[in-house]
Amino acid sequence: MPIIAKFTKLMKGVKKKNNINVWVIDERKFLTDNEIVILREISKQLRIHGLNKKRFSPIRNWFMIELGLNAGLRVEEMSSLKHSNLIIDDTRSSIVVIGKGNKKRAVWINSEFKKKCQKFINVKKEFGYATDNEAFLLNNLKGDKISKRALQKFFKKILISASLPHHYSIHCLRHTYATFLLKASRYNYRFVQQQLGHSSIKTTQIYANILESEGKEALERLYM
């Protein structure tokens, strides 16, 4: 075999250390302030409709939106969440999440979302669904675990009802939570990393690139 051919064959089996795919977040992957208001308003109307018509699906889908915006969970984490993972009482407000690689983390939630969790649990009881420790929080109409695909489908339907861009997936709720929490926490990367369950803080820091308000203001002053 010619030397060049041998060299080519050898190089094909060598992984390039510098050939790393860099994950990028841009402004198309998270909701704007106005879009959040619209999405929440539409999902709230769905909840009211569900209560009036005695239909559980619209109420569950409202809570799905709120869960994504207030806890930043991955769709698999939302689907797998059980009532035992929800820790809410007079003094505690958190969700125990089993994330990637079966890693467990505590996601803290605010008082407003805590009230919504309690409302949703009460509604589930009214509809006759189980709320014991082993029951799934976002169950289907049979009371069983809801699939990731179903959650994606329901989210897309709400997008259409809200006349929001169709390119969004349910994962945009996690991206939205991350970007807004980072800003609200005054760029407390460690806290946001813990909330999202990122194995590396470098992943969390990626969100900072689209929140550089000072940098954007500097661009507007360019050449002025």
N, C-alpha and C. Protein backbone atom coordinates (compact mmCIF):
# COMPACT_ATOMS: atom_id res chain seq x y z
N MET A 1 0.85 -1.21 0.00
CA MET A 1 0.00 0.00 0.00
C MET A 1 0.88 1.24 0.00
N PRO A 2 0.60 2.20 -0.89
CA PRO A 2 1.38 3.43 -0.94
C PRO A 2 1.39 4.15 0.41
N ILE A 3 2.46 4.88 0.66
CA ILE A 3 2.61 5.59 1.93
C ILE A 3 1.46 6.56 2.18
N ILE A 4 1.06 7.29 1.11
CA ILE A 4 -0.03 8.28 1.25
C ILE A 4 -1.33 7.60 1.63
N ALA A 5 -1.61 6.44 1.04
CA ALA A 5 -2.83 5.70 1.34
C ALA A 5 -2.82 5.22 2.79
N LYS A 6 -1.67 4.75 3.24
CA LYS A 6 -1.54 4.29 4.63
C LYS A 6 -1.80 5.45 5.60
N PHE A 7 -1.23 6.62 5.25
CA PHE A 7 -1.39 7.79 6.10
C PHE A 7 -2.85 8.22 6.18
N THR A 8 -3.54 8.21 5.01
CA THR A 8 -4.95 8.59 4.95
C THR A 8 -5.81 7.65 5.79
N LYS A 9 -5.53 6.35 5.69
CA LYS A 9 -6.29 5.36 6.46
C LYS A 9 -6.07 5.55 7.95
N LEU A 10 -4.83 5.86 8.32
CA LEU A 10 -4.50 6.06 9.73
C LEU A 10 -5.22 7.28 10.28
N MET A 11 -5.26 8.38 9.51
CA MET A 11 -5.86 9.61 9.98
C MET A 11 -7.38 9.49 10.13
N LYS A 12 -7.99 8.63 9.34
CA LYS A 12 -9.43 8.43 9.46
C LYS A 12 -9.81 7.82 10.80
N GLY A 13 -8.91 7.10 11.39
CA GLY A 13 -9.19 6.46 12.68
C GLY A 13 -8.80 7.30 13.86
N VAL A 14 -8.28 8.49 13.60
CA VAL A 14 -7.85 9.38 14.67
C VAL A 14 -8.89 10.47 14.88
N LYS A 15 -9.37 10.64 16.11
CA LYS A 15 -10.33 11.68 16.42
C LYS A 15 -9.61 12.99 16.66
N LYS A 16 -10.06 14.01 15.97
CA LYS A 16 -9.44 15.32 16.14
C LYS A 16 -9.90 15.94 17.45
N LYS A 17 -8.92 16.25 18.31
CA LYS A 17 -9.25 16.79 19.62
C LYS A 17 -9.90 18.16 19.53
N ASN A 18 -9.54 18.89 18.50
CA ASN A 18 -10.08 20.25 18.37
C ASN A 18 -11.40 20.31 17.60
N ASN A 19 -11.84 19.16 17.09
CA ASN A 19 -13.07 19.13 16.30
C ASN A 19 -14.27 18.97 17.23
N ILE A 20 -14.63 20.05 17.91
CA ILE A 20 -15.69 20.02 18.92
C ILE A 20 -16.86 20.87 18.43
N ASN A 21 -18.06 20.29 18.48
CA ASN A 21 -19.25 21.04 18.11
C ASN A 21 -19.64 21.98 19.24
N VAL A 22 -19.65 23.25 18.95
CA VAL A 22 -19.97 24.24 19.97
C VAL A 22 -21.47 24.52 19.96
N TRP A 23 -22.11 24.32 21.11
CA TRP A 23 -23.56 24.55 21.25
C TRP A 23 -23.80 26.05 21.36
N VAL A 24 -24.71 26.56 20.55
CA VAL A 24 -24.96 27.99 20.50
C VAL A 24 -26.42 28.28 20.81
N ILE A 25 -26.65 29.29 21.66
CA ILE A 25 -28.01 29.76 21.94
C ILE A 25 -28.16 31.13 21.29
N ASP A 26 -29.23 31.30 20.53
CA ASP A 26 -29.49 32.61 19.95
C ASP A 26 -30.91 33.04 20.34
N GLU A 27 -31.26 34.23 19.94
CA GLU A 27 -32.52 34.83 20.38
C GLU A 27 -33.76 34.14 19.84
N ARG A 28 -33.61 33.25 18.88
CA ARG A 28 -34.75 32.52 18.33
C ARG A 28 -35.15 31.33 19.19
N LYS A 29 -34.35 31.03 20.21
CA LYS A 29 -34.60 29.83 21.00
C LYS A 29 -35.25 30.11 22.35
N PHE A 30 -35.51 31.38 22.65
CA PHE A 30 -36.24 31.67 23.89
C PHE A 30 -37.26 32.76 23.64
N LEU A 31 -38.29 32.75 24.44
CA LEU A 31 -39.41 33.68 24.28
C LEU A 31 -39.05 35.08 24.76
N THR A 32 -39.66 36.07 24.11
CA THR A 32 -39.48 37.46 24.55
C THR A 32 -40.48 37.74 25.67
N ASP A 33 -40.32 38.89 26.29
CA ASP A 33 -41.24 39.30 27.36
C ASP A 33 -42.68 39.27 26.88
N ASN A 34 -42.91 39.85 25.71
CA ASN A 34 -44.27 39.93 25.17
C ASN A 34 -44.82 38.54 24.83
N GLU A 35 -43.98 37.69 24.29
CA GLU A 35 -44.42 36.34 23.93
C GLU A 35 -44.77 35.52 25.18
N ILE A 36 -44.05 35.75 26.26
CA ILE A 36 -44.36 35.07 27.52
C ILE A 36 -45.74 35.47 28.01
N VAL A 37 -46.03 36.76 27.93
CA VAL A 37 -47.34 37.28 28.36
C VAL A 37 -48.45 36.64 27.52
N ILE A 38 -48.25 36.59 26.22
CA ILE A 38 -49.25 36.02 25.31
C ILE A 38 -49.45 34.53 25.60
N LEU A 39 -48.35 33.80 25.72
CA LEU A 39 -48.43 32.36 25.97
C LEU A 39 -49.14 32.06 27.28
N ARG A 40 -48.82 32.82 28.30
CA ARG A 40 -49.45 32.62 29.60
C ARG A 40 -50.93 32.96 29.58
N GLU A 41 -51.28 33.99 28.86
CA GLU A 41 -52.68 34.41 28.78
C GLU A 41 -53.51 33.34 28.07
N ILE A 42 -52.98 32.82 26.97
CA ILE A 42 -53.70 31.79 26.23
C ILE A 42 -53.85 30.52 27.07
N SER A 43 -52.77 30.11 27.74
CA SER A 43 -52.84 28.89 28.56
C SER A 43 -53.77 29.09 29.75
N LYS A 44 -53.84 30.32 30.26
CA LYS A 44 -54.76 30.64 31.36
C LYS A 44 -56.20 30.51 30.89
N GLN A 45 -56.46 30.98 29.66
CA GLN A 45 -57.80 30.86 29.09
C GLN A 45 -58.17 29.39 28.89
N LEU A 46 -57.18 28.58 28.52
CA LEU A 46 -57.42 27.14 28.38
C LEU A 46 -57.81 26.53 29.71
N ARG A 47 -57.12 26.96 30.77
CA ARG A 47 -57.42 26.43 32.11
C ARG A 47 -58.86 26.78 32.51
N ILE A 48 -59.25 28.02 32.28
CA ILE A 48 -60.61 28.47 32.61
C ILE A 48 -61.64 27.67 31.81
N HIS A 49 -61.33 27.47 30.51
CA HIS A 49 -62.22 26.68 29.65
C HIS A 49 -62.34 25.25 30.18
N GLY A 50 -61.21 24.68 30.60
CA GLY A 50 -61.22 23.32 31.13
C GLY A 50 -62.05 23.20 32.39
N LEU A 51 -61.94 24.20 33.25
CA LEU A 51 -62.70 24.18 34.50
C LEU A 51 -64.20 24.31 34.22
N ASN A 52 -64.54 25.19 33.28
CA ASN A 52 -65.95 25.40 32.95
C ASN A 52 -66.58 24.20 32.26
N LYS A 53 -65.81 23.56 31.38
CA LYS A 53 -66.33 22.44 30.59
C LYS A 53 -66.01 21.07 31.21
N LYS A 54 -65.39 21.10 32.38
CA LYS A 54 -65.01 19.86 33.07
C LYS A 54 -64.09 18.99 32.20
N ARG A 55 -63.09 19.63 31.61
CA ARG A 55 -62.11 18.93 30.78
C ARG A 55 -60.74 19.08 31.41
N PHE A 56 -60.06 17.97 31.62
CA PHE A 56 -58.78 18.00 32.33
C PHE A 56 -57.61 18.44 31.45
N SER A 57 -57.59 18.04 30.18
CA SER A 57 -56.45 18.30 29.29
C SER A 57 -56.04 19.78 29.24
N PRO A 58 -56.97 20.72 29.04
CA PRO A 58 -56.57 22.14 28.99
C PRO A 58 -55.93 22.62 30.29
N ILE A 59 -56.41 22.07 31.42
CA ILE A 59 -55.87 22.48 32.72
C ILE A 59 -54.45 21.93 32.88
N ARG A 60 -54.26 20.67 32.49
CA ARG A 60 -52.92 20.07 32.55
C ARG A 60 -51.95 20.81 31.65
N ASN A 61 -52.42 21.20 30.46
CA ASN A 61 -51.55 21.90 29.52
C ASN A 61 -51.18 23.29 30.02
N TRP A 62 -52.09 23.94 30.73
CA TRP A 62 -51.76 25.21 31.38
C TRP A 62 -50.64 25.00 32.38
N PHE A 63 -50.75 23.95 33.18
CA PHE A 63 -49.73 23.69 34.20
C PHE A 63 -48.40 23.29 33.55
N MET A 64 -48.46 22.61 32.42
CA MET A 64 -47.25 22.24 31.68
C MET A 64 -46.46 23.50 31.31
N ILE A 65 -47.16 24.53 30.81
CA ILE A 65 -46.51 25.79 30.45
C ILE A 65 -45.89 26.44 31.68
N GLU A 66 -46.65 26.50 32.76
CA GLU A 66 -46.15 27.13 33.98
C GLU A 66 -44.97 26.36 34.58
N LEU A 67 -45.01 25.05 34.49
CA LEU A 67 -43.92 24.23 34.99
C LEU A 67 -42.64 24.50 34.21
N GLY A 68 -42.77 24.61 32.90
CA GLY A 68 -41.60 24.89 32.07
C GLY A 68 -41.02 26.26 32.34
N LEU A 69 -41.87 27.26 32.51
CA LEU A 69 -41.42 28.63 32.71
C LEU A 69 -40.91 28.89 34.12
N ASN A 70 -41.34 28.09 35.09
CA ASN A 70 -40.97 28.34 36.49
C ASN A 70 -39.95 27.37 37.06
N ALA A 71 -39.65 26.31 36.30
CA ALA A 71 -38.67 25.34 36.80
C ALA A 71 -37.61 24.98 35.76
N GLY A 72 -37.87 25.31 34.51
CA GLY A 72 -36.87 25.08 33.47
C GLY A 72 -36.52 23.62 33.25
N LEU A 73 -37.49 22.73 33.40
CA LEU A 73 -37.20 21.30 33.27
C LEU A 73 -37.10 20.88 31.81
N ARG A 74 -36.31 19.84 31.57
CA ARG A 74 -36.28 19.20 30.25
C ARG A 74 -37.60 18.46 30.07
N VAL A 75 -37.98 18.21 28.81
CA VAL A 75 -39.27 17.56 28.56
C VAL A 75 -39.32 16.17 29.17
N GLU A 76 -38.21 15.45 29.17
CA GLU A 76 -38.16 14.12 29.80
C GLU A 76 -38.37 14.24 31.30
N GLU A 77 -37.81 15.27 31.91
CA GLU A 77 -37.97 15.49 33.35
C GLU A 77 -39.42 15.83 33.68
N MET A 78 -40.07 16.60 32.82
CA MET A 78 -41.47 16.94 33.03
C MET A 78 -42.35 15.71 32.93
N SER A 79 -42.06 14.88 31.94
CA SER A 79 -42.85 13.67 31.71
C SER A 79 -42.71 12.68 32.87
N SER A 80 -41.52 12.59 33.45
CA SER A 80 -41.24 11.59 34.48
C SER A 80 -41.55 12.06 35.90
N LEU A 81 -41.91 13.32 36.05
CA LEU A 81 -42.13 13.90 37.37
C LEU A 81 -43.30 13.23 38.10
N LYS A 82 -43.07 12.87 39.34
CA LYS A 82 -44.11 12.27 40.17
C LYS A 82 -44.47 13.22 41.32
N HIS A 83 -45.58 12.95 41.96
CA HIS A 83 -46.01 13.81 43.07
C HIS A 83 -45.00 13.78 44.22
N SER A 84 -44.30 12.68 44.37
CA SER A 84 -43.30 12.59 45.43
C SER A 84 -42.13 13.53 45.19
N ASN A 85 -41.95 13.97 43.93
CA ASN A 85 -40.86 14.88 43.60
C ASN A 85 -41.20 16.33 43.93
N LEU A 86 -42.46 16.58 44.19
CA LEU A 86 -42.91 17.94 44.50
C LEU A 86 -42.92 18.13 46.02
N ILE A 87 -42.07 19.01 46.49
CA ILE A 87 -41.94 19.24 47.94
C ILE A 87 -42.47 20.64 48.25
N ILE A 88 -43.72 20.71 48.61
CA ILE A 88 -44.34 22.00 48.92
C ILE A 88 -45.17 21.88 50.20
N ASP A 89 -44.83 22.69 51.16
CA ASP A 89 -45.62 22.79 52.39
C ASP A 89 -45.44 24.20 52.93
N ASP A 90 -45.68 24.41 54.21
CA ASP A 90 -45.61 25.76 54.78
C ASP A 90 -44.22 26.37 54.68
N THR A 91 -43.19 25.53 54.74
CA THR A 91 -41.83 26.06 54.78
C THR A 91 -40.95 25.66 53.58
N ARG A 92 -41.40 24.69 52.78
CA ARG A 92 -40.56 24.21 51.69
C ARG A 92 -41.20 24.44 50.32
N SER A 93 -40.36 24.74 49.35
CA SER A 93 -40.84 25.00 47.98
C SER A 93 -39.78 24.55 46.98
N SER A 94 -39.82 23.29 46.59
CA SER A 94 -38.82 22.80 45.64
C SER A 94 -39.34 21.56 44.91
N ILE A 95 -38.63 21.22 43.85
CA ILE A 95 -38.93 20.03 43.07
C ILE A 95 -37.66 19.19 42.98
N VAL A 96 -37.77 17.93 43.35
CA VAL A 96 -36.62 17.03 43.23
C VAL A 96 -36.68 16.40 41.84
N VAL A 97 -35.66 16.64 41.05
CA VAL A 97 -35.64 16.21 39.65
C VAL A 97 -34.56 15.17 39.42
N ILE A 98 -34.92 14.12 38.67
CA ILE A 98 -33.94 13.13 38.24
C ILE A 98 -33.58 13.48 36.80
N GLY A 99 -32.39 14.05 36.60
CA GLY A 99 -31.98 14.54 35.29
C GLY A 99 -31.15 13.56 34.50
N LYS A 100 -30.35 14.08 33.60
CA LYS A 100 -29.50 13.25 32.75
C LYS A 100 -28.53 12.42 33.61
N GLY A 101 -28.34 11.17 33.19
CA GLY A 101 -27.44 10.29 33.93
C GLY A 101 -27.96 9.95 35.30
N ASN A 102 -29.29 10.04 35.50
CA ASN A 102 -29.93 9.76 36.79
C ASN A 102 -29.39 10.64 37.92
N LYS A 103 -28.93 11.83 37.55
CA LYS A 103 -28.43 12.76 38.56
C LYS A 103 -29.61 13.49 39.20
N LYS A 104 -29.61 13.52 40.51
CA LYS A 104 -30.71 14.15 41.26
C LYS A 104 -30.33 15.58 41.63
N ARG A 105 -31.30 16.49 41.49
CA ARG A 105 -31.06 17.88 41.89
C ARG A 105 -32.35 18.47 42.46
N ALA A 106 -32.20 19.48 43.28
CA ALA A 106 -33.35 20.19 43.83
C ALA A 106 -33.52 21.50 43.08
N VAL A 107 -34.70 21.70 42.51
CA VAL A 107 -35.00 22.94 41.79
C VAL A 107 -35.91 23.78 42.67
N TRP A 108 -35.43 24.93 43.08
CA TRP A 108 -36.22 25.79 43.94
C TRP A 108 -37.26 26.53 43.12
N ILE A 109 -38.45 26.73 43.68
CA ILE A 109 -39.52 27.44 43.00
C ILE A 109 -40.00 28.60 43.87
N ASN A 110 -40.59 29.61 43.23
CA ASN A 110 -41.05 30.77 44.00
C ASN A 110 -42.45 30.54 44.58
N SER A 111 -42.86 31.48 45.41
CA SER A 111 -44.13 31.33 46.14
C SER A 111 -45.34 31.35 45.20
N GLU A 112 -45.25 32.12 44.11
CA GLU A 112 -46.37 32.21 43.17
C GLU A 112 -46.60 30.87 42.48
N PHE A 113 -45.52 30.24 42.02
CA PHE A 113 -45.67 28.95 41.35
C PHE A 113 -46.05 27.86 42.35
N LYS A 114 -45.63 27.99 43.56
CA LYS A 114 -46.00 27.04 44.61
C LYS A 114 -47.53 26.99 44.75
N LYS A 115 -48.16 28.17 44.71
CA LYS A 115 -49.62 28.24 44.80
C LYS A 115 -50.27 27.56 43.59
N LYS A 116 -49.67 27.73 42.42
CA LYS A 116 -50.20 27.11 41.21
C LYS A 116 -50.10 25.59 41.28
N CYS A 117 -49.02 25.11 41.89
CA CYS A 117 -48.86 23.67 42.08
C CYS A 117 -49.96 23.12 42.96
N GLN A 118 -50.25 23.84 44.04
CA GLN A 118 -51.29 23.41 44.96
C GLN A 118 -52.67 23.43 44.29
N LYS A 119 -52.92 24.45 43.46
CA LYS A 119 -54.18 24.53 42.73
C LYS A 119 -54.33 23.35 41.77
N PHE A 120 -53.24 23.04 41.08
CA PHE A 120 -53.28 21.95 40.11
C PHE A 120 -53.54 20.61 40.80
N ILE A 121 -52.92 20.39 41.94
CA ILE A 121 -53.13 19.15 42.68
C ILE A 121 -54.59 19.03 43.14
N ASN A 122 -55.15 20.13 43.58
CA ASN A 122 -56.55 20.13 44.00
C ASN A 122 -57.48 19.82 42.83
N VAL A 123 -57.15 20.35 41.64
CA VAL A 123 -57.96 20.08 40.45
C VAL A 123 -57.87 18.60 40.08
N LYS A 124 -56.68 18.04 40.19
CA LYS A 124 -56.51 16.63 39.88
C LYS A 124 -57.39 15.76 40.78
N LYS A 125 -57.47 16.13 42.03
CA LYS A 125 -58.30 15.40 42.98
C LYS A 125 -59.78 15.51 42.58
N GLU A 126 -60.19 16.71 42.17
CA GLU A 126 -61.58 16.92 41.75
C GLU A 126 -61.94 16.08 40.53
N PHE A 127 -60.96 15.86 39.65
CA PHE A 127 -61.19 15.05 38.45
C PHE A 127 -61.02 13.56 38.72
N GLY A 128 -60.67 13.22 39.95
CA GLY A 128 -60.56 11.81 40.33
C GLY A 128 -59.22 11.16 40.01
N TYR A 129 -58.20 11.97 39.74
CA TYR A 129 -56.89 11.41 39.45
C TYR A 129 -56.08 11.24 40.73
N ALA A 130 -55.22 10.25 40.72
CA ALA A 130 -54.39 9.94 41.89
C ALA A 130 -53.37 11.05 42.12
N THR A 131 -53.13 11.35 43.39
CA THR A 131 -52.12 12.35 43.76
C THR A 131 -51.17 11.79 44.82
N ASP A 132 -51.11 10.45 44.90
CA ASP A 132 -50.19 9.84 45.85
C ASP A 132 -48.76 9.96 45.33
N ASN A 133 -47.81 9.53 46.13
CA ASN A 133 -46.39 9.71 45.81
C ASN A 133 -45.98 9.12 44.46
N GLU A 134 -46.55 7.99 44.08
CA GLU A 134 -46.14 7.31 42.85
C GLU A 134 -46.92 7.76 41.62
N ALA A 135 -47.90 8.64 41.79
CA ALA A 135 -48.68 9.13 40.66
C ALA A 135 -47.87 10.17 39.88
N PHE A 136 -48.00 10.15 38.56
CA PHE A 136 -47.30 11.11 37.73
C PHE A 136 -48.00 12.47 37.80
N LEU A 137 -47.21 13.53 37.89
CA LEU A 137 -47.78 14.87 38.04
C LEU A 137 -48.52 15.30 36.78
N LEU A 138 -47.89 15.13 35.62
CA LEU A 138 -48.54 15.46 34.34
C LEU A 138 -49.04 14.17 33.69
N ASN A 139 -50.15 13.68 34.16
CA ASN A 139 -50.66 12.41 33.65
C ASN A 139 -51.52 12.59 32.41
N ASN A 140 -51.71 11.50 31.67
CA ASN A 140 -52.64 11.54 30.54
C ASN A 140 -54.06 11.31 31.05
N LEU A 141 -55.01 11.21 30.15
CA LEU A 141 -56.42 11.10 30.57
C LEU A 141 -56.72 9.78 31.28
N LYS A 142 -55.84 8.78 31.08
CA LYS A 142 -56.01 7.50 31.76
C LYS A 142 -55.35 7.50 33.13
N GLY A 143 -54.64 8.57 33.44
CA GLY A 143 -53.97 8.66 34.73
C GLY A 143 -52.55 8.13 34.69
N ASP A 144 -52.09 7.74 33.50
CA ASP A 144 -50.75 7.17 33.36
C ASP A 144 -49.73 8.24 32.98
N LYS A 145 -48.47 7.84 32.88
CA LYS A 145 -47.40 8.73 32.48
C LYS A 145 -47.66 9.28 31.08
N ILE A 146 -47.48 10.56 30.90
CA ILE A 146 -47.66 11.17 29.60
C ILE A 146 -46.34 11.14 28.84
N SER A 147 -46.40 10.94 27.54
CA SER A 147 -45.17 10.82 26.75
C SER A 147 -44.58 12.18 26.41
N LYS A 148 -43.29 12.18 26.09
CA LYS A 148 -42.62 13.41 25.68
C LYS A 148 -43.24 13.94 24.39
N ARG A 149 -43.55 13.01 23.50
CA ARG A 149 -44.14 13.40 22.22
C ARG A 149 -45.48 14.09 22.41
N ALA A 150 -46.27 13.60 23.36
CA ALA A 150 -47.58 14.21 23.64
C ALA A 150 -47.41 15.64 24.17
N LEU A 151 -46.43 15.83 25.06
CA LEU A 151 -46.18 17.16 25.59
C LEU A 151 -45.76 18.12 24.49
N GLN A 152 -44.90 17.64 23.59
CA GLN A 152 -44.49 18.46 22.45
C GLN A 152 -45.70 18.86 21.60
N LYS A 153 -46.56 17.87 21.38
CA LYS A 153 -47.75 18.09 20.55
C LYS A 153 -48.68 19.12 21.17
N PHE A 154 -48.92 19.00 22.48
CA PHE A 154 -49.80 19.94 23.17
C PHE A 154 -49.20 21.35 23.16
N PHE A 155 -47.89 21.42 23.31
CA PHE A 155 -47.23 22.73 23.30
C PHE A 155 -47.39 23.40 21.94
N LYS A 156 -47.23 22.64 20.87
CA LYS A 156 -47.37 23.18 19.53
C LYS A 156 -48.79 23.70 19.29
N LYS A 157 -49.78 22.99 19.82
CA LYS A 157 -51.17 23.43 19.67
C LYS A 157 -51.40 24.76 20.37
N ILE A 158 -50.79 24.92 21.54
CA ILE A 158 -50.93 26.18 22.28
C ILE A 158 -50.25 27.31 21.52
N LEU A 159 -49.11 27.02 20.91
CA LEU A 159 -48.41 28.01 20.09
C LEU A 159 -49.31 28.53 18.98
N ILE A 160 -50.00 27.60 18.32
CA ILE A 160 -50.90 27.97 17.23
C ILE A 160 -52.04 28.84 17.75
N SER A 161 -52.59 28.46 18.89
CA SER A 161 -53.69 29.24 19.49
C SER A 161 -53.23 30.64 19.87
N ALA A 162 -51.95 30.74 20.26
CA ALA A 162 -51.41 32.03 20.68
C ALA A 162 -50.84 32.83 19.52
N SER A 163 -50.85 32.24 18.31
CA SER A 163 -50.29 32.88 17.11
C SER A 163 -48.83 33.26 17.30
N LEU A 164 -48.09 32.38 17.97
CA LEU A 164 -46.66 32.58 18.19
C LEU A 164 -45.86 31.81 17.14
N PRO A 165 -44.61 32.19 16.90
CA PRO A 165 -43.79 31.53 15.87
C PRO A 165 -43.75 30.01 16.03
N HIS A 166 -43.91 29.29 14.93
CA HIS A 166 -43.99 27.84 14.97
C HIS A 166 -42.65 27.15 15.18
N HIS A 167 -41.56 27.91 15.04
CA HIS A 167 -40.25 27.27 15.19
C HIS A 167 -39.93 26.91 16.64
N TYR A 168 -40.68 27.46 17.58
CA TYR A 168 -40.45 27.13 18.98
C TYR A 168 -40.85 25.68 19.27
N SER A 169 -40.04 25.03 20.11
CA SER A 169 -40.40 23.71 20.63
C SER A 169 -40.62 23.87 22.12
N ILE A 170 -41.07 22.83 22.77
CA ILE A 170 -41.32 22.93 24.21
C ILE A 170 -40.04 23.22 24.99
N HIS A 171 -38.90 22.88 24.38
CA HIS A 171 -37.60 23.13 25.03
C HIS A 171 -37.32 24.62 25.16
N CYS A 172 -38.03 25.45 24.40
CA CYS A 172 -37.82 26.90 24.50
C CYS A 172 -38.22 27.41 25.88
N LEU A 173 -39.09 26.67 26.57
CA LEU A 173 -39.47 27.06 27.94
C LEU A 173 -38.27 26.98 28.87
N ARG A 174 -37.44 25.96 28.67
CA ARG A 174 -36.22 25.80 29.47
C ARG A 174 -35.22 26.90 29.14
N HIS A 175 -35.06 27.19 27.85
CA HIS A 175 -34.15 28.26 27.44
C HIS A 175 -34.63 29.61 27.98
N THR A 176 -35.94 29.82 27.94
CA THR A 176 -36.51 31.07 28.44
C THR A 176 -36.26 31.22 29.94
N TYR A 177 -36.52 30.15 30.66
CA TYR A 177 -36.28 30.14 32.11
C TYR A 177 -34.82 30.47 32.41
N ALA A 178 -33.91 29.85 31.68
CA ALA A 178 -32.47 30.03 31.92
C ALA A 178 -32.04 31.47 31.70
N THR A 179 -32.47 32.06 30.59
CA THR A 179 -32.05 33.42 30.28
C THR A 179 -32.63 34.45 31.25
N PHE A 180 -33.89 34.28 31.60
CA PHE A 180 -34.52 35.23 32.51
C PHE A 180 -34.02 35.05 33.95
N LEU A 181 -33.75 33.81 34.35
CA LEU A 181 -33.24 33.57 35.70
C LEU A 181 -31.82 34.11 35.83
N LEU A 182 -31.04 33.97 34.79
CA LEU A 182 -29.66 34.47 34.82
C LEU A 182 -29.65 35.98 35.03
N LYS A 183 -30.55 36.65 34.33
CA LYS A 183 -30.64 38.10 34.47
C LYS A 183 -31.20 38.50 35.84
N ALA A 184 -32.24 37.79 36.29
CA ALA A 184 -32.87 38.11 37.58
C ALA A 184 -31.92 37.86 38.75
N SER A 185 -31.03 36.87 38.59
CA SER A 185 -30.08 36.53 39.67
C SER A 185 -28.80 37.36 39.59
N ARG A 186 -28.78 38.33 38.68
CA ARG A 186 -27.61 39.18 38.46
C ARG A 186 -26.39 38.33 38.10
N TYR A 187 -26.64 37.43 37.17
CA TYR A 187 -25.59 36.56 36.61
C TYR A 187 -24.92 35.67 37.66
N ASN A 188 -25.77 35.08 38.49
CA ASN A 188 -25.28 34.09 39.47
C ASN A 188 -25.21 32.74 38.75
N TYR A 189 -24.10 32.49 38.09
CA TYR A 189 -23.96 31.31 37.25
C TYR A 189 -24.09 30.01 38.05
N ARG A 190 -23.55 29.99 39.24
CA ARG A 190 -23.59 28.76 40.04
C ARG A 190 -25.03 28.38 40.39
N PHE A 191 -25.81 29.37 40.75
CA PHE A 191 -27.21 29.11 41.10
C PHE A 191 -27.99 28.62 39.88
N VAL A 192 -27.82 29.29 38.75
CA VAL A 192 -28.51 28.89 37.53
C VAL A 192 -28.06 27.51 37.07
N GLN A 193 -26.77 27.23 37.19
CA GLN A 193 -26.25 25.90 36.85
C GLN A 193 -26.91 24.83 37.69
N GLN A 194 -27.07 25.09 38.98
CA GLN A 194 -27.71 24.14 39.89
C GLN A 194 -29.17 23.93 39.53
N GLN A 195 -29.86 25.01 39.21
CA GLN A 195 -31.28 24.93 38.87
C GLN A 195 -31.50 24.12 37.60
N LEU A 196 -30.64 24.32 36.61
CA LEU A 196 -30.80 23.66 35.32
C LEU A 196 -30.21 22.26 35.28
N GLY A 197 -29.30 21.97 36.21
CA GLY A 197 -28.67 20.65 36.21
C GLY A 197 -27.58 20.50 35.19
N HIS A 198 -26.91 21.60 34.85
CA HIS A 198 -25.79 21.53 33.91
C HIS A 198 -24.58 20.89 34.59
N SER A 199 -23.94 19.95 33.91
CA SER A 199 -22.76 19.31 34.48
C SER A 199 -21.57 20.25 34.48
N SER A 200 -21.56 21.21 33.56
CA SER A 200 -20.47 22.17 33.47
C SER A 200 -21.02 23.59 33.48
N ILE A 201 -20.36 24.46 34.21
CA ILE A 201 -20.81 25.85 34.27
C ILE A 201 -20.59 26.55 32.93
N LYS A 202 -19.73 25.99 32.08
CA LYS A 202 -19.51 26.56 30.75
C LYS A 202 -20.79 26.52 29.93
N THR A 203 -21.60 25.48 30.14
CA THR A 203 -22.87 25.39 29.43
C THR A 203 -23.79 26.53 29.87
N THR A 204 -23.81 26.81 31.17
CA THR A 204 -24.64 27.89 31.71
C THR A 204 -24.19 29.24 31.17
N GLN A 205 -22.90 29.42 31.06
CA GLN A 205 -22.35 30.70 30.63
C GLN A 205 -22.71 31.04 29.18
N ILE A 206 -23.08 30.02 28.41
CA ILE A 206 -23.48 30.26 27.02
C ILE A 206 -24.68 31.22 26.95
N TYR A 207 -25.56 31.12 27.95
CA TYR A 207 -26.75 31.97 27.95
C TYR A 207 -26.41 33.45 28.13
N ALA A 208 -25.25 33.72 28.73
CA ALA A 208 -24.87 35.11 28.98
C ALA A 208 -24.60 35.86 27.69
N ASN A 209 -24.24 35.15 26.65
CA ASN A 209 -23.89 35.80 25.39
C ASN A 209 -25.05 36.57 24.78
N ILE A 210 -26.28 36.16 25.09
CA ILE A 210 -27.44 36.85 24.50
C ILE A 210 -28.08 37.82 25.48
N LEU A 211 -27.43 38.01 26.63
CA LEU A 211 -27.98 38.92 27.63
C LEU A 211 -27.03 40.08 27.93
N GLU A 212 -26.13 40.31 27.03
CA GLU A 212 -25.17 41.38 27.24
C GLU A 212 -25.80 42.72 26.86
N SER A 213 -26.65 43.23 27.75
CA SER A 213 -27.36 44.47 27.46
C SER A 213 -26.40 45.65 27.28
N GLU A 214 -25.34 45.68 28.09
CA GLU A 214 -24.37 46.75 27.96
C GLU A 214 -23.68 46.69 26.61
N GLY A 215 -23.41 45.47 26.17
CA GLY A 215 -22.78 45.30 24.87
C GLY A 215 -23.68 45.77 23.75
N LYS A 216 -24.98 45.49 23.85
CA LYS A 216 -25.93 45.92 22.84
C LYS A 216 -26.05 47.45 22.81
N GLU A 217 -26.01 48.06 23.99
CA GLU A 217 -26.06 49.51 24.05
C GLU A 217 -24.83 50.11 23.40
N ALA A 218 -23.70 49.46 23.58
CA ALA A 218 -22.44 49.93 22.98
C ALA A 218 -22.53 49.88 21.46
N LEU A 219 -23.19 48.83 20.93
CA LEU A 219 -23.34 48.72 19.48
C LEU A 219 -24.15 49.88 18.92
N GLU A 220 -25.19 50.31 19.67
CA GLU A 220 -26.03 51.41 19.21
C GLU A 220 -25.24 52.72 19.18
N ARG A 221 -24.20 52.82 20.01
CA ARG A 221 -23.39 54.05 20.05
C ARG A 221 -22.22 54.00 19.08
N LEU A 222 -22.09 52.88 18.38
CA LEU A 222 -20.95 52.69 17.47
C LEU A 222 -20.91 53.78 16.40
N TYR A 223 -19.75 54.44 16.29
CA TYR A 223 -19.49 55.49 15.30
C TYR A 223 -20.34 56.74 15.52
N MET A 224 -20.89 56.88 16.70
CA MET A 224 -21.72 58.07 16.96
C MET A 224 -20.93 59.07 17.79
